[in-house]
Protein backbone atom coordinates (compact mmCIF):
# COMPACT_ATOMS: atom_id res chain seq x y z
CA PHE A 1 19.87 -49.55 -76.86
CA ASP A 2 20.53 -53.27 -76.61
CA GLU A 3 23.39 -53.08 -79.11
CA VAL A 4 25.15 -50.42 -77.01
CA VAL A 5 24.62 -52.38 -73.78
CA ASP A 6 25.89 -55.58 -75.40
CA ALA A 7 28.99 -53.79 -76.71
CA MET A 8 29.67 -52.39 -73.26
CA SER A 9 29.35 -55.85 -71.71
CA GLU A 10 31.80 -57.27 -74.23
CA HIS A 11 34.34 -54.69 -73.04
CA GLY A 12 33.76 -55.34 -69.35
CA MET A 13 31.61 -52.26 -68.73
CA GLN A 14 28.23 -51.99 -67.03
CA ALA A 15 25.51 -49.52 -68.01
CA LEU A 16 23.74 -47.27 -65.53
CA TYR A 17 20.10 -46.52 -66.37
CA SER A 18 18.83 -43.02 -65.63
CA VAL A 19 15.05 -42.80 -65.13
CA THR A 20 14.76 -39.34 -66.65
CA PHE A 21 12.23 -37.38 -68.74
CA THR A 22 8.52 -37.92 -69.29
CA PRO A 23 6.87 -38.90 -72.60
CA SER A 24 3.75 -36.93 -73.44
CA TYR A 25 1.39 -39.86 -72.88
CA ALA A 26 2.59 -40.19 -69.26
CA LEU A 27 2.08 -36.56 -68.20
CA LYS A 28 -0.18 -35.61 -65.35
CA PRO A 29 -3.33 -33.87 -66.65
CA ALA A 30 -2.29 -30.55 -65.10
CA TYR A 31 0.83 -30.50 -67.30
CA GLN A 32 -0.78 -31.45 -70.60
CA GLY A 33 -0.09 -28.82 -73.26
CA LYS A 34 2.59 -27.07 -71.21
CA PRO A 35 6.04 -26.19 -72.62
CA GLN A 36 8.89 -28.71 -72.24
CA PRO A 37 6.66 -31.65 -71.33
CA SER A 38 9.61 -34.03 -70.90
CA ARG A 39 10.71 -32.07 -67.82
CA LYS A 40 7.33 -32.40 -66.11
CA PRO A 41 6.44 -35.08 -63.52
CA PRO A 42 4.86 -38.30 -64.80
CA ARG A 43 1.64 -39.90 -63.57
CA SER A 44 2.42 -42.58 -61.00
CA ASP A 45 0.50 -45.29 -62.88
CA ALA A 46 2.36 -44.53 -66.12
CA LEU A 47 5.72 -44.52 -64.34
CA ARG A 48 4.96 -47.81 -62.61
CA GLY A 49 3.85 -49.51 -65.83
CA ALA A 50 6.85 -48.30 -67.83
CA LEU A 51 9.37 -49.31 -65.17
CA GLU A 52 7.92 -52.79 -64.77
CA THR A 53 8.71 -53.42 -68.44
CA ILE A 54 12.04 -51.57 -68.49
CA VAL A 55 13.48 -53.12 -65.34
CA ALA A 56 12.49 -56.66 -66.35
CA HIS A 57 14.26 -56.13 -69.68
CA ASN A 58 17.29 -54.49 -68.09
CA ARG A 59 17.62 -57.25 -65.49
CA ASP A 60 18.01 -59.77 -68.29
CA LYS A 61 20.67 -57.54 -69.89
CA GLY A 62 22.66 -57.23 -66.65
CA ILE A 63 21.69 -53.62 -65.89
CA THR A 64 21.18 -53.31 -62.14
CA ILE A 65 21.99 -49.66 -61.31
CA TYR A 66 19.43 -46.85 -61.65
CA ASP A 67 19.38 -43.18 -60.82
CA LEU A 68 16.13 -41.32 -60.33
CA TRP A 69 16.22 -38.34 -62.70
CA ASN A 70 19.07 -36.21 -63.92
CA GLU A 71 19.75 -33.15 -61.76
CA PRO A 72 16.27 -32.51 -60.36
CA ASP A 73 17.77 -29.56 -58.45
CA HIS A 74 18.73 -27.90 -61.76
CA ARG A 75 16.18 -25.52 -63.27
CA GLY A 76 16.61 -27.09 -66.69
CA PHE A 77 15.60 -30.64 -65.78
CA TRP A 78 12.74 -30.86 -63.25
CA HIS A 79 9.69 -28.64 -63.69
CA GLY A 80 7.58 -29.94 -60.83
CA SER A 81 7.45 -29.43 -57.09
CA THR A 82 9.65 -31.11 -54.49
CA ASN A 83 6.64 -33.10 -53.24
CA GLU A 84 6.00 -34.35 -56.77
CA TYR A 85 9.63 -35.39 -57.04
CA LEU A 86 9.47 -37.30 -53.74
CA GLU A 87 6.39 -39.13 -55.01
CA PHE A 88 8.23 -39.93 -58.25
CA MET A 89 11.14 -41.30 -56.18
CA ARG A 90 8.86 -43.46 -54.03
CA VAL A 91 6.99 -45.02 -56.95
CA ALA A 92 10.16 -45.58 -58.98
CA TYR A 93 12.06 -47.14 -56.07
CA GLU A 94 9.23 -49.47 -55.07
CA THR A 95 8.71 -50.61 -58.67
CA ILE A 96 12.39 -51.19 -59.41
CA LYS A 97 12.88 -53.17 -56.20
CA ARG A 98 9.76 -55.25 -56.78
CA VAL A 99 10.93 -56.29 -60.25
CA ASP A 100 14.63 -56.59 -59.38
CA PRO A 101 15.24 -56.79 -55.62
CA ASP A 102 19.02 -56.85 -56.17
CA ALA A 103 19.07 -53.56 -58.08
CA THR A 104 20.92 -50.55 -56.69
CA VAL A 105 18.78 -47.42 -56.82
CA LEU A 106 20.48 -44.03 -56.59
CA SER A 107 18.85 -40.74 -55.69
CA GLY A 108 18.41 -38.14 -58.37
CA GLY A 109 21.78 -36.95 -59.62
CA ILE A 110 22.28 -33.77 -57.59
CA ALA A 111 23.83 -31.09 -59.81
CA SER A 112 25.57 -29.29 -56.96
CA LEU A 113 25.29 -28.81 -53.21
CA HIS A 114 26.60 -25.25 -53.68
CA LYS A 115 24.29 -22.42 -54.67
CA THR A 116 24.61 -21.77 -58.41
CA ARG A 117 22.84 -19.76 -61.09
CA SER A 118 21.33 -23.02 -62.34
CA ASP A 119 19.56 -23.84 -59.07
CA GLY A 120 16.08 -25.18 -59.68
CA ARG A 121 12.66 -23.94 -58.78
CA ASN A 122 12.70 -25.74 -55.44
CA PRO A 123 15.36 -24.44 -53.00
CA ASP A 124 14.54 -27.30 -50.61
CA MET A 125 15.08 -30.03 -53.23
CA ASP A 126 18.55 -31.31 -52.25
CA ARG A 127 17.86 -31.49 -48.54
CA ARG A 128 14.43 -33.08 -48.84
CA MET A 129 15.57 -35.52 -51.51
CA VAL A 130 18.34 -36.82 -49.26
CA LEU A 131 16.47 -36.75 -45.94
CA ASP A 132 12.71 -36.99 -46.61
CA GLY A 133 13.31 -39.34 -49.54
CA SER A 134 15.80 -41.56 -47.71
CA LYS A 135 13.58 -44.66 -47.94
CA SER A 136 13.46 -44.29 -51.73
CA TYR A 137 17.13 -44.77 -52.64
CA ASP A 138 20.11 -46.93 -51.69
CA ALA A 139 22.87 -44.41 -52.36
CA ILE A 140 23.23 -40.67 -52.92
CA SER A 141 24.05 -39.59 -56.46
CA LEU A 142 26.06 -36.37 -56.80
CA HIS A 143 27.65 -34.60 -59.79
CA GLU A 144 29.51 -31.48 -58.63
CA HIS A 145 31.28 -30.50 -61.85
CA GLY A 146 34.13 -28.02 -61.87
CA THR A 147 37.33 -27.56 -59.90
CA PHE A 148 38.66 -30.02 -57.36
CA ASP A 149 38.49 -27.41 -54.57
CA ARG A 150 34.77 -26.92 -55.16
CA PHE A 151 34.24 -30.68 -55.34
CA ALA A 152 36.15 -31.30 -52.10
CA ASP A 153 34.30 -28.54 -50.27
CA ALA A 154 30.94 -30.06 -51.25
CA LEU A 155 31.96 -33.42 -49.79
CA ASP A 156 33.52 -32.00 -46.63
CA ARG A 157 30.74 -29.61 -45.72
CA PRO A 158 27.16 -29.84 -47.12
CA LEU A 159 27.30 -33.53 -48.06
CA SER A 160 28.87 -34.60 -44.77
CA GLU A 161 26.30 -32.56 -42.86
CA LEU A 162 23.39 -34.15 -44.73
CA ARG A 163 24.76 -37.68 -44.31
CA ALA A 164 25.15 -37.09 -40.58
CA GLU A 165 21.39 -36.45 -40.33
CA LEU A 166 20.41 -39.72 -42.01
CA ASP A 167 18.97 -42.52 -39.89
CA SER A 168 20.88 -45.18 -41.86
CA ASP A 169 24.08 -45.41 -43.86
CA LYS A 170 23.72 -44.62 -47.54
CA GLY A 171 26.22 -45.28 -50.28
CA LEU A 172 27.67 -42.56 -52.51
CA TRP A 173 28.03 -42.40 -56.29
CA PHE A 174 29.20 -39.70 -58.66
CA THR A 175 27.16 -40.48 -61.74
CA GLU A 176 28.84 -37.67 -63.64
CA THR A 177 31.49 -35.16 -62.76
CA GLY A 178 33.96 -33.33 -64.92
CA HIS A 179 36.11 -30.27 -65.49
CA SER A 180 36.18 -27.88 -68.44
CA GLY A 181 39.91 -27.10 -68.48
CA ASN A 182 42.53 -28.30 -70.98
CA GLY A 183 43.57 -31.94 -71.25
CA HIS A 184 46.38 -31.62 -68.72
CA ASP A 185 44.15 -29.93 -66.14
CA LYS A 186 41.34 -32.45 -66.69
CA THR A 187 43.71 -35.35 -66.03
CA ILE A 188 44.86 -33.84 -62.75
CA VAL A 189 41.32 -33.04 -61.60
CA LEU A 190 40.11 -36.53 -62.54
CA VAL A 191 42.76 -38.18 -60.35
CA GLN A 192 42.10 -35.72 -57.51
CA LYS A 193 38.33 -36.22 -57.61
CA TYR A 194 38.54 -40.00 -57.90
CA THR A 195 40.97 -40.30 -55.00
CA PHE A 196 39.03 -37.93 -52.76
CA ALA A 197 35.70 -39.58 -53.61
CA ARG A 198 37.07 -43.00 -52.69
CA GLN A 199 38.31 -41.60 -49.39
CA HIS A 200 34.70 -40.55 -48.70
CA GLY A 201 33.41 -44.05 -49.46
CA ALA A 202 32.22 -43.51 -53.03
CA GLU A 203 31.35 -46.74 -54.81
CA GLY A 204 31.44 -45.31 -58.32
CA LEU A 205 32.58 -42.26 -60.27
CA LEU A 206 31.69 -41.59 -63.91
CA TRP A 207 33.77 -38.95 -65.69
CA PHE A 208 31.87 -36.43 -67.83
CA ALA A 209 33.86 -35.31 -70.88
CA PHE A 210 33.27 -31.61 -71.56
């Protein structure tokens, strides 16, 4: 891990740390022995203890950006309830900020604000993450893979509507987004998405190479 981070730093790049997946020792008792344990919610004490060590180490390596789970709205990544996710967010945010007050903490990376076949077990996840969990992140993290038209529609409609309901301004990051077309099409969509995201105030966009 450190070798990769050091190599990135040497080339002027900064790593983003995703707080994602649960080791078996950190599982809540109710999830012990269940399939796919890494997708289950962690105990709050285990999460707090792990992050205290991780964030202190990362701070010394220049890592200051975190997102709180990969695509918790996707059925393949979060196998807990929305309430359990909000508790995970709260504990993670408070711990990260206590160890590194200057860190930027992003919400969970939302897979899509459109209804898809990969929607998770909690239909209320996106809305509650953004609104009920608003004190547990500094910026919204969104993915929204696929065509530019779909990407633009997500920003213009559901995302804009959610942001309008927030009590305070929140930043916007695209911690992964991509397109599965050929090289020519990908290049066009990359430029379109980057330009449109910047127009909507996005602070960062990471391209996902399919």
